[in-house]
Amino acid sequence: MTLKDDIEQKIDKKSSNKVKKEIHITLENQEKAKKNVEEFLKDFIKNLPEGTNYKVESDESGLNVALFNDKLGFLIGYRGETLDSLQYLVSLIVNKDHNKPYKRVVLDTENYRQKREETLKRVAEKAAYKVKMSKRPYKLEPMNPYERRIIHSALQDDKDVTTYSEGEEPYRRIVIDIKK
């Protein structure tokens, strides 16, 4: 079932034509964004190792782009910085028309995003344990907003510690502290 079919099933038959038209326009924008990304990727993968493939999926939250090849580790870079930069470029291509709503883009290769999320959750748990034992705040390394959000989410239900961010980009970091 496509996104369009799913949305059309959710629309009540009593819905106004205006709502149906807005949803149709949104779906057209999503498909156009997907087409723009695919055109960019066709040119881009020519410069990558032979056998590199891609997959672009669209959903209501935006576009998910995956690059496939065992030799793409260099695209990740130091803690994902190169991958984040490439994701930003793809996002600029998708969102170049400012008259249309912003579309979120997630670019991944070698399942890096999931592995990084698991690593950050482990870091959060270890740091929380240190804070509980020492009763002193613990500052993590500077992170991008996406990674900070993962840390905050991982510890939000912990009854003993709290998290907050301090500093200015690109040196903004999370501090884990005992709840008062």
Protein backbone atom coordinates (compact mmCIF):
# COMPACT_ATOMS: atom_id res chain seq x y z
CA MET A 1 0.00 0.00 0.00
CA THR A 2 1.40 3.37 -0.95
CA LEU A 3 1.33 6.47 1.21
CA LYS A 4 -1.25 7.97 -1.14
CA ASP A 5 -3.56 4.94 -0.78
CA ASP A 6 -3.17 5.00 3.00
CA ILE A 7 -4.06 8.70 3.23
CA GLU A 8 -6.99 8.35 0.87
CA GLN A 9 -8.40 5.55 3.03
CA LYS A 10 -8.10 7.77 6.11
CA ILE A 11 -9.99 10.65 4.52
CA ASP A 12 -13.58 10.62 5.60
CA LYS A 13 -16.05 10.67 2.72
CA LYS A 14 -17.55 13.82 4.26
CA SER A 15 -14.22 15.67 4.02
CA SER A 16 -14.24 18.86 2.04
CA ASN A 17 -12.73 19.08 -1.42
CA LYS A 18 -10.25 21.64 -0.04
CA VAL A 19 -8.74 19.04 2.33
CA LYS A 20 -8.53 16.48 -0.47
CA LYS A 21 -6.84 19.03 -2.73
CA GLU A 22 -4.29 19.99 -0.03
CA ILE A 23 -3.44 16.32 0.57
CA HIS A 24 -3.08 15.75 -3.19
CA ILE A 25 -0.72 18.74 -3.46
CA THR A 26 1.32 17.45 -0.50
CA LEU A 27 1.65 14.01 -2.13
CA GLU A 28 2.74 15.63 -5.39
CA ASN A 29 5.39 17.62 -3.48
CA GLN A 30 6.59 14.44 -1.78
CA GLU A 31 6.90 12.63 -5.10
CA LYS A 32 8.71 15.61 -6.67
CA ALA A 33 11.14 15.71 -3.73
CA LYS A 34 11.76 11.97 -4.10
CA LYS A 35 12.43 12.43 -7.83
CA ASN A 36 14.91 15.29 -7.14
CA VAL A 37 16.81 13.13 -4.64
CA GLU A 38 16.95 10.21 -7.06
CA GLU A 39 18.32 12.46 -9.84
CA PHE A 40 21.03 13.75 -7.49
CA LEU A 41 21.89 10.24 -6.29
CA LYS A 42 22.21 8.87 -9.82
CA ASP A 43 24.97 11.40 -10.48
CA PHE A 44 26.47 11.12 -7.01
CA ILE A 45 26.91 7.33 -6.96
CA LYS A 46 28.94 7.50 -10.15
CA ASN A 47 31.74 8.81 -7.89
CA LEU A 48 31.32 6.04 -5.31
CA PRO A 49 32.72 2.51 -5.38
CA GLU A 50 31.31 0.21 -8.03
CA GLY A 51 28.16 -1.62 -7.02
CA THR A 52 26.75 1.19 -4.88
CA ASN A 53 22.96 1.31 -4.87
CA TYR A 54 20.43 3.51 -3.18
CA LYS A 55 16.88 3.36 -1.94
CA VAL A 56 14.61 6.36 -1.38
CA GLU A 57 11.47 5.92 0.68
CA SER A 58 8.94 8.61 1.45
CA ASP A 59 6.52 8.72 4.33
CA GLU A 60 4.53 11.39 6.13
CA SER A 61 7.61 12.53 8.08
CA GLY A 62 9.86 13.03 5.03
CA LEU A 63 12.38 11.10 2.96
CA ASN A 64 14.62 8.25 4.07
CA VAL A 65 17.62 7.68 1.81
CA ALA A 66 19.83 4.61 2.18
CA LEU A 67 23.08 3.97 0.32
CA PHE A 68 24.19 0.34 0.00
CA ASN A 69 27.75 -0.93 -0.42
CA ASP A 70 30.24 -2.50 1.99
CA LYS A 71 32.87 0.08 1.02
CA LEU A 72 31.06 3.27 2.08
CA GLY A 73 32.58 3.69 5.53
CA PHE A 74 34.42 6.80 4.33
CA LEU A 75 31.03 8.49 3.79
CA ILE A 76 30.32 8.26 7.50
CA GLY A 77 33.40 10.17 8.58
CA TYR A 78 34.38 11.01 12.16
CA ARG A 79 31.29 10.35 14.30
CA GLY A 80 29.04 10.78 11.28
CA GLU A 81 30.15 14.31 10.36
CA THR A 82 30.61 13.53 6.66
CA LEU A 83 27.28 11.69 6.52
CA ASP A 84 25.56 14.62 8.29
CA SER A 85 27.05 17.06 5.77
CA LEU A 86 25.90 14.96 2.84
CA GLN A 87 22.46 14.67 4.45
CA TYR A 88 22.36 18.47 4.70
CA LEU A 89 23.17 18.80 0.99
CA VAL A 90 20.42 16.35 0.06
CA SER A 91 18.05 18.28 2.33
CA LEU A 92 18.90 21.50 0.48
CA ILE A 93 18.06 19.81 -2.83
CA VAL A 94 14.74 18.53 -1.50
CA ASN A 95 13.77 21.82 0.15
CA LYS A 96 15.02 24.26 -2.50
CA ASP A 97 11.49 25.54 -3.19
CA HIS A 98 10.71 27.70 -0.15
CA ASN A 99 7.02 27.94 -1.08
CA LYS A 100 6.47 24.31 -0.11
CA PRO A 101 6.52 22.84 3.41
CA TYR A 102 9.87 21.63 4.77
CA LYS A 103 10.58 17.93 4.28
CA ARG A 104 12.85 16.08 6.68
CA VAL A 105 15.60 14.01 5.05
CA VAL A 106 17.51 11.17 6.71
CA LEU A 107 20.53 9.78 4.86
CA ASP A 108 22.08 6.53 6.06
CA THR A 109 24.67 4.00 4.97
CA GLU A 110 25.82 0.73 6.53
CA ASN A 111 23.01 1.15 9.10
CA TYR A 112 25.13 3.82 10.81
CA ARG A 113 22.21 5.82 12.26
CA GLN A 114 20.81 2.85 14.18
CA LYS A 115 24.24 1.77 15.44
CA ARG A 116 25.03 5.33 16.57
CA GLU A 117 21.70 5.58 18.39
CA GLU A 118 22.43 2.35 20.28
CA THR A 119 25.92 3.62 21.15
CA LEU A 120 24.55 6.95 22.43
CA LYS A 121 21.99 5.17 24.60
CA ARG A 122 24.78 3.08 26.16
CA VAL A 123 26.86 6.25 26.72
CA ALA A 124 23.85 7.90 28.37
CA GLU A 125 23.31 4.95 30.72
CA LYS A 126 27.01 4.77 31.68
CA ALA A 127 27.18 8.51 32.30
CA ALA A 128 24.00 8.38 34.39
CA TYR A 129 25.53 5.59 36.47
CA LYS A 130 28.67 7.71 37.03
CA VAL A 131 26.55 10.66 38.12
CA LYS A 132 24.57 8.50 40.54
CA MET A 133 27.76 7.12 42.08
CA SER A 134 29.69 10.39 42.29
CA LYS A 135 26.73 12.73 42.93
CA ARG A 136 28.45 15.22 40.60
CA PRO A 137 27.40 16.53 37.17
CA TYR A 138 28.92 14.88 34.13
CA LYS A 139 29.47 16.70 30.84
CA LEU A 140 29.34 14.75 27.61
CA GLU A 141 31.25 15.64 24.45
CA PRO A 142 29.70 18.23 22.10
CA MET A 143 27.02 16.69 19.87
CA ASN A 144 24.68 17.73 17.11
CA PRO A 145 20.99 18.32 17.97
CA TYR A 146 19.90 14.88 16.73
CA GLU A 147 22.38 13.10 19.00
CA ARG A 148 21.54 15.31 21.99
CA ARG A 149 17.86 14.49 21.52
CA ILE A 150 18.69 10.77 21.72
CA ILE A 151 20.54 11.27 25.02
CA HIS A 152 17.74 13.38 26.51
CA SER A 153 15.16 10.76 25.46
CA ALA A 154 17.22 7.87 26.82
CA LEU A 155 17.37 9.43 30.29
CA GLN A 156 14.03 11.22 30.50
CA ASP A 157 12.42 8.44 32.57
CA ASP A 158 15.35 8.07 34.97
CA LYS A 159 14.10 9.14 38.41
CA ASP A 160 17.56 9.99 39.76
CA VAL A 161 19.15 12.14 37.04
CA THR A 162 18.21 15.06 34.81
CA THR A 163 19.74 16.28 31.57
CA TYR A 164 20.17 19.72 30.06
CA SER A 165 22.19 21.24 27.25
CA GLU A 166 24.70 24.05 27.62
CA GLY A 167 26.99 26.00 25.30
CA GLU A 168 26.65 27.31 21.77
CA GLU A 169 26.75 25.37 18.51
CA PRO A 170 28.90 23.59 17.45
CA TYR A 171 30.19 23.08 21.01
CA ARG A 172 26.79 22.52 22.62
CA ARG A 173 26.86 19.56 25.00
CA ILE A 174 24.68 17.67 27.42
CA VAL A 175 25.17 17.81 31.16
CA ILE A 176 23.81 14.96 33.25
CA ASP A 177 23.13 15.90 36.88
CA ILE A 178 21.41 14.52 39.99
CA LYS A 179 17.75 15.51 40.33
CA LYS A 180 17.31 17.90 43.23
